[in-house]
């Protein structure tokens, strides 16, 4: 009987040591899980935002096609949109220049 109690006591000590060793790992995993859940939520929100933005752009394009041609006027509040549009155009111009340069190099090699 004493031997049985001693075995159980020894097993209890082993389990307590194992628990002490595993608790920090559990906390790390919980923190990592929370971070991943937050990232997942952020990605969902970003995807939803982009979907809404795409729909808004589509709706705006439809309205512009149906309506009479109106010359767009811009004021200072439109500056960010103009900068964004200009950057897009400059990016396309740069891309086309790169393509042109590569084509010229290919023609020169021949």
N, C-alpha and C. Protein backbone atom coordinates (compact mmCIF):
# COMPACT_ATOMS: atom_id res chain seq x y z
N UNK A 1 0.82 -1.18 0.00
CA UNK A 1 0.00 0.00 0.00
C UNK A 1 0.87 1.26 0.00
N UNK A 2 1.91 1.26 0.79
CA UNK A 2 2.82 2.40 0.83
C UNK A 2 3.48 2.57 -0.53
N UNK A 3 3.80 1.48 -1.16
CA UNK A 3 4.43 1.51 -2.48
C UNK A 3 3.47 2.13 -3.50
N UNK A 4 2.22 1.79 -3.41
CA UNK A 4 1.21 2.33 -4.33
C UNK A 4 1.07 3.85 -4.14
N UNK A 5 1.05 4.29 -2.90
CA UNK A 5 0.95 5.72 -2.61
C UNK A 5 2.20 6.44 -3.11
N UNK A 6 3.35 5.82 -2.92
CA UNK A 6 4.61 6.41 -3.38
C UNK A 6 4.63 6.55 -4.91
N UNK A 7 4.12 5.55 -5.61
CA UNK A 7 4.05 5.60 -7.07
C UNK A 7 3.12 6.73 -7.52
N UNK A 8 2.00 6.84 -6.85
CA UNK A 8 1.05 7.89 -7.20
C UNK A 8 1.63 9.28 -6.90
N UNK A 9 2.33 9.40 -5.80
CA UNK A 9 2.97 10.66 -5.45
C UNK A 9 4.03 11.02 -6.50
N UNK A 10 4.82 10.03 -6.90
CA UNK A 10 5.85 10.25 -7.91
C UNK A 10 5.21 10.67 -9.24
N UNK A 11 4.13 10.02 -9.59
CA UNK A 11 3.43 10.37 -10.84
C UNK A 11 2.86 11.79 -10.76
N UNK A 12 2.34 12.15 -9.59
CA UNK A 12 1.81 13.50 -9.38
C UNK A 12 2.92 14.54 -9.57
N UNK A 13 4.08 14.27 -9.04
CA UNK A 13 5.23 15.19 -9.19
C UNK A 13 5.62 15.30 -10.65
N UNK A 14 5.64 14.18 -11.37
CA UNK A 14 5.97 14.19 -12.80
C UNK A 14 4.97 15.04 -13.59
N UNK A 15 3.70 14.85 -13.29
CA UNK A 15 2.65 15.59 -13.99
C UNK A 15 2.75 17.08 -13.67
N UNK A 16 3.05 17.42 -12.42
CA UNK A 16 3.20 18.83 -12.05
C UNK A 16 4.39 19.46 -12.79
N UNK A 17 5.49 18.73 -12.87
CA UNK A 17 6.66 19.24 -13.61
C UNK A 17 6.33 19.42 -15.09
N UNK A 18 5.62 18.46 -15.64
CA UNK A 18 5.22 18.56 -17.04
C UNK A 18 4.31 19.77 -17.25
N UNK A 19 3.40 19.98 -16.33
CA UNK A 19 2.49 21.12 -16.41
C UNK A 19 3.27 22.43 -16.33
N UNK A 20 4.23 22.52 -15.42
CA UNK A 20 5.06 23.72 -15.32
C UNK A 20 5.84 23.97 -16.60
N UNK A 21 6.26 22.92 -17.26
CA UNK A 21 7.03 23.05 -18.50
C UNK A 21 6.12 23.45 -19.67
N UNK A 22 4.87 22.97 -19.66
CA UNK A 22 3.96 23.22 -20.79
C UNK A 22 3.20 24.54 -20.69
N UNK A 23 3.04 25.10 -19.49
CA UNK A 23 2.27 26.34 -19.35
C UNK A 23 2.83 27.50 -20.17
N UNK A 24 4.15 27.75 -20.17
CA UNK A 24 4.67 28.85 -21.02
C UNK A 24 4.41 28.61 -22.51
N UNK A 25 4.51 27.37 -22.93
CA UNK A 25 4.22 27.06 -24.33
C UNK A 25 2.76 27.34 -24.66
N UNK A 26 1.88 26.99 -23.74
CA UNK A 26 0.46 27.25 -23.94
C UNK A 26 0.20 28.75 -24.06
N UNK A 27 0.84 29.54 -23.20
CA UNK A 27 0.66 30.99 -23.27
C UNK A 27 1.17 31.54 -24.59
N UNK A 28 2.33 31.05 -25.05
CA UNK A 28 2.87 31.50 -26.34
C UNK A 28 1.91 31.15 -27.47
N UNK A 29 1.39 29.94 -27.44
CA UNK A 29 0.46 29.52 -28.48
C UNK A 29 -0.82 30.33 -28.45
N UNK A 30 -1.29 30.67 -27.26
CA UNK A 30 -2.49 31.49 -27.16
C UNK A 30 -2.26 32.89 -27.73
N UNK A 31 -1.10 33.46 -27.44
CA UNK A 31 -0.77 34.79 -27.98
C UNK A 31 -0.68 34.72 -29.50
N UNK A 32 0.00 33.69 -30.01
CA UNK A 32 0.14 33.54 -31.45
C UNK A 32 -1.23 33.33 -32.11
N UNK A 33 -2.08 32.54 -31.47
CA UNK A 33 -3.43 32.31 -31.99
C UNK A 33 -4.21 33.62 -32.04
N UNK A 34 -4.13 34.41 -30.98
CA UNK A 34 -4.83 35.70 -30.96
C UNK A 34 -4.33 36.62 -32.07
N UNK A 35 -3.00 36.63 -32.28
CA UNK A 35 -2.44 37.47 -33.35
C UNK A 35 -2.93 37.00 -34.71
N UNK A 36 -2.97 35.70 -34.92
CA UNK A 36 -3.43 35.17 -36.20
C UNK A 36 -4.91 35.45 -36.42
N UNK A 37 -5.69 35.37 -35.37
CA UNK A 37 -7.12 35.69 -35.48
C UNK A 37 -7.30 37.17 -35.84
N UNK A 38 -6.47 38.02 -35.25
CA UNK A 38 -6.55 39.45 -35.55
C UNK A 38 -6.16 39.71 -37.01
N UNK A 39 -5.11 39.05 -37.48
CA UNK A 39 -4.70 39.19 -38.88
C UNK A 39 -5.79 38.69 -39.82
N UNK A 40 -6.40 37.57 -39.45
CA UNK A 40 -7.47 37.00 -40.27
C UNK A 40 -8.63 37.99 -40.37
N UNK A 41 -8.98 38.59 -39.24
CA UNK A 41 -10.06 39.57 -39.23
C UNK A 41 -9.69 40.80 -40.07
N UNK A 42 -8.45 41.24 -39.96
CA UNK A 42 -8.00 42.39 -40.75
C UNK A 42 -8.04 42.08 -42.24
N UNK A 43 -7.62 40.88 -42.60
CA UNK A 43 -7.66 40.49 -44.01
C UNK A 43 -9.10 40.42 -44.53
N UNK A 44 -9.99 39.91 -43.70
CA UNK A 44 -11.40 39.87 -44.09
C UNK A 44 -11.94 41.27 -44.31
N UNK A 45 -11.60 42.17 -43.37
CA UNK A 45 -12.06 43.56 -43.50
C UNK A 45 -11.47 44.22 -44.74
N UNK A 46 -10.21 43.96 -45.02
CA UNK A 46 -9.57 44.54 -46.20
C UNK A 46 -10.21 44.01 -47.48
N UNK A 47 -10.48 42.71 -47.51
CA UNK A 47 -11.11 42.12 -48.69
C UNK A 47 -12.51 42.70 -48.89
N UNK A 48 -13.24 42.88 -47.81
CA UNK A 48 -14.58 43.47 -47.88
C UNK A 48 -14.49 44.92 -48.38
N UNK A 49 -13.53 45.66 -47.85
CA UNK A 49 -13.33 47.05 -48.28
C UNK A 49 -13.02 47.12 -49.77
N UNK A 50 -12.11 46.26 -50.23
CA UNK A 50 -11.75 46.26 -51.64
C UNK A 50 -12.92 45.86 -52.52
N UNK A 51 -13.72 44.92 -52.05
CA UNK A 51 -14.90 44.52 -52.79
C UNK A 51 -15.88 45.69 -52.91
N UNK A 52 -16.08 46.39 -51.80
CA UNK A 52 -16.97 47.56 -51.82
C UNK A 52 -16.42 48.66 -52.73
N UNK A 53 -15.11 48.86 -52.68
CA UNK A 53 -14.48 49.87 -53.53
C UNK A 53 -14.62 49.52 -55.00
N UNK A 54 -14.46 48.25 -55.32
CA UNK A 54 -14.63 47.79 -56.70
C UNK A 54 -16.06 48.03 -57.16
N UNK A 55 -17.02 47.71 -56.31
CA UNK A 55 -18.43 47.92 -56.64
C UNK A 55 -18.73 49.40 -56.83
N UNK A 56 -18.17 50.23 -55.97
CA UNK A 56 -18.36 51.67 -56.08
C UNK A 56 -17.79 52.18 -57.40
N UNK A 57 -16.61 51.71 -57.77
CA UNK A 57 -16.00 52.12 -59.04
C UNK A 57 -16.87 51.68 -60.21
N UNK A 58 -17.38 50.46 -60.14
CA UNK A 58 -18.25 49.94 -61.19
C UNK A 58 -19.52 50.79 -61.30
N UNK A 59 -20.13 51.09 -60.17
CA UNK A 59 -21.34 51.92 -60.17
C UNK A 59 -21.05 53.31 -60.73
N UNK A 60 -19.92 53.89 -60.34
CA UNK A 60 -19.55 55.21 -60.83
C UNK A 60 -19.33 55.17 -62.35
N UNK A 61 -18.69 54.13 -62.83
CA UNK A 61 -18.47 53.99 -64.28
C UNK A 61 -19.79 53.89 -65.02
N UNK A 62 -20.73 53.13 -64.45
CA UNK A 62 -22.05 53.01 -65.07
C UNK A 62 -22.76 54.36 -65.13
N UNK A 63 -22.70 55.11 -64.06
CA UNK A 63 -23.36 56.42 -64.01
C UNK A 63 -22.72 57.36 -65.03
N UNK A 64 -21.41 57.34 -65.14
CA UNK A 64 -20.72 58.21 -66.10
C UNK A 64 -21.07 57.84 -67.53
N UNK A 65 -21.23 56.55 -67.81
CA UNK A 65 -21.57 56.12 -69.17
C UNK A 65 -22.99 56.54 -69.53
N UNK A 66 -23.91 56.48 -68.59
CA UNK A 66 -25.31 56.80 -68.86
C UNK A 66 -25.56 58.31 -68.94
N UNK A 67 -24.84 59.06 -68.13
CA UNK A 67 -25.09 60.50 -68.05
C UNK A 67 -24.45 61.26 -69.19
N UNK A 68 -24.86 62.52 -69.34
CA UNK A 68 -24.26 63.36 -70.39
C UNK A 68 -22.80 63.64 -70.03
N UNK A 69 -21.98 63.83 -71.06
CA UNK A 69 -20.57 64.11 -70.77
C UNK A 69 -20.42 65.45 -70.05
N UNK A 70 -19.83 65.40 -68.90
CA UNK A 70 -19.63 66.60 -68.08
C UNK A 70 -18.14 66.75 -67.84
N UNK A 71 -17.66 67.95 -68.06
CA UNK A 71 -16.25 68.19 -67.82
C UNK A 71 -16.03 68.19 -66.31
N UNK A 72 -15.05 67.40 -65.89
CA UNK A 72 -14.78 67.31 -64.46
C UNK A 72 -14.00 68.53 -64.00
N UNK A 73 -14.40 69.05 -62.86
CA UNK A 73 -13.67 70.17 -62.27
C UNK A 73 -13.09 69.70 -60.95
N UNK A 74 -11.94 70.23 -60.63
CA UNK A 74 -11.25 69.80 -59.42
C UNK A 74 -10.96 71.01 -58.55
N UNK A 75 -10.99 70.79 -57.25
CA UNK A 75 -10.57 71.82 -56.32
C UNK A 75 -9.52 71.22 -55.39
N UNK A 76 -9.18 71.94 -54.35
CA UNK A 76 -8.09 71.48 -53.48
C UNK A 76 -8.42 70.17 -52.77
N UNK A 77 -9.69 69.87 -52.56
CA UNK A 77 -10.05 68.62 -51.89
C UNK A 77 -9.82 67.42 -52.80
N UNK A 78 -9.67 67.65 -54.09
CA UNK A 78 -9.45 66.56 -55.04
C UNK A 78 -7.97 66.23 -55.21
N UNK A 79 -7.10 66.98 -54.57
CA UNK A 79 -5.67 66.80 -54.77
C UNK A 79 -5.19 65.38 -54.50
N UNK A 80 -5.60 64.72 -53.41
CA UNK A 80 -5.13 63.34 -53.21
C UNK A 80 -5.53 62.40 -54.35
N UNK A 81 -6.75 62.55 -54.84
CA UNK A 81 -7.20 61.70 -55.94
C UNK A 81 -6.41 62.00 -57.21
N UNK A 82 -6.14 63.27 -57.45
CA UNK A 82 -5.35 63.64 -58.63
C UNK A 82 -3.93 63.11 -58.54
N UNK A 83 -3.35 63.18 -57.35
CA UNK A 83 -2.00 62.64 -57.17
C UNK A 83 -1.99 61.14 -57.40
N UNK A 84 -3.00 60.47 -56.89
CA UNK A 84 -3.08 59.03 -57.08
C UNK A 84 -3.23 58.69 -58.56
N UNK A 85 -4.09 59.42 -59.26
CA UNK A 85 -4.30 59.18 -60.69
C UNK A 85 -3.03 59.49 -61.47
N UNK A 86 -2.36 60.57 -61.11
CA UNK A 86 -1.11 60.93 -61.78
C UNK A 86 -0.04 59.89 -61.55
N UNK A 87 0.04 59.36 -60.34
CA UNK A 87 1.04 58.33 -60.05
C UNK A 87 0.76 57.08 -60.86
N UNK A 88 -0.51 56.75 -61.02
CA UNK A 88 -0.88 55.58 -61.83
C UNK A 88 -0.46 55.79 -63.28
N UNK A 89 -0.72 56.98 -63.80
CA UNK A 89 -0.35 57.28 -65.18
C UNK A 89 1.16 57.27 -65.36
N UNK A 90 1.88 57.82 -64.40
CA UNK A 90 3.34 57.81 -64.48
C UNK A 90 3.88 56.39 -64.40
N UNK A 91 3.24 55.56 -63.59
CA UNK A 91 3.65 54.16 -63.51
C UNK A 91 3.44 53.45 -64.83
N UNK A 92 2.31 53.72 -65.48
CA UNK A 92 2.03 53.11 -66.78
C UNK A 92 3.02 53.62 -67.82
N UNK A 93 3.33 54.91 -67.77
CA UNK A 93 4.29 55.48 -68.70
C UNK A 93 5.66 54.83 -68.52
N UNK A 94 6.08 54.68 -67.29
CA UNK A 94 7.37 54.05 -67.01
C UNK A 94 7.39 52.61 -67.50
N UNK A 95 6.30 51.91 -67.29
CA UNK A 95 6.20 50.52 -67.73
C UNK A 95 6.30 50.43 -69.26
N UNK A 96 5.61 51.32 -69.96
CA UNK A 96 5.67 51.33 -71.42
C UNK A 96 7.07 51.72 -71.92
N UNK A 97 7.73 52.62 -71.22
CA UNK A 97 9.10 52.98 -71.60
C UNK A 97 10.04 51.79 -71.44
N UNK A 98 9.86 51.02 -70.38
CA UNK A 98 10.68 49.82 -70.17
C UNK A 98 10.44 48.81 -71.29
N UNK A 99 9.19 48.62 -71.66
CA UNK A 99 8.87 47.69 -72.75
C UNK A 99 9.50 48.17 -74.05
N UNK A 100 9.38 49.47 -74.32
CA UNK A 100 9.95 50.04 -75.53
C UNK A 100 11.47 49.86 -75.54
N UNK A 101 12.11 50.10 -74.43
CA UNK A 101 13.56 49.95 -74.32
C UNK A 101 13.97 48.51 -74.60
N UNK A 102 13.25 47.56 -74.03
CA UNK A 102 13.58 46.14 -74.25
C UNK A 102 13.37 45.73 -75.70
N UNK A 103 12.30 46.23 -76.31
CA UNK A 103 12.06 45.93 -77.72
C UNK A 103 13.17 46.52 -78.60
N UNK A 104 13.60 47.73 -78.29
CA UNK A 104 14.70 48.33 -79.05
C UNK A 104 15.98 47.52 -78.90
N UNK A 105 16.25 47.04 -77.71
CA UNK A 105 17.45 46.21 -77.49
C UNK A 105 17.37 44.92 -78.29
N UNK A 106 16.17 44.32 -78.33
CA UNK A 106 16.01 43.09 -79.10
C UNK A 106 16.22 43.35 -80.59
N UNK A 107 15.69 44.48 -81.08
CA UNK A 107 15.87 44.82 -82.49
C UNK A 107 17.33 45.11 -82.81
N UNK A 108 18.03 45.75 -81.89
CA UNK A 108 19.45 46.05 -82.10
C UNK A 108 20.29 44.78 -82.13
N UNK A 109 19.88 43.77 -81.38
CA UNK A 109 20.63 42.51 -81.35
C UNK A 109 20.50 41.76 -82.67
N UNK A 110 19.39 41.94 -83.33
CA UNK A 110 19.17 41.24 -84.60
C UNK A 110 19.95 41.94 -85.64
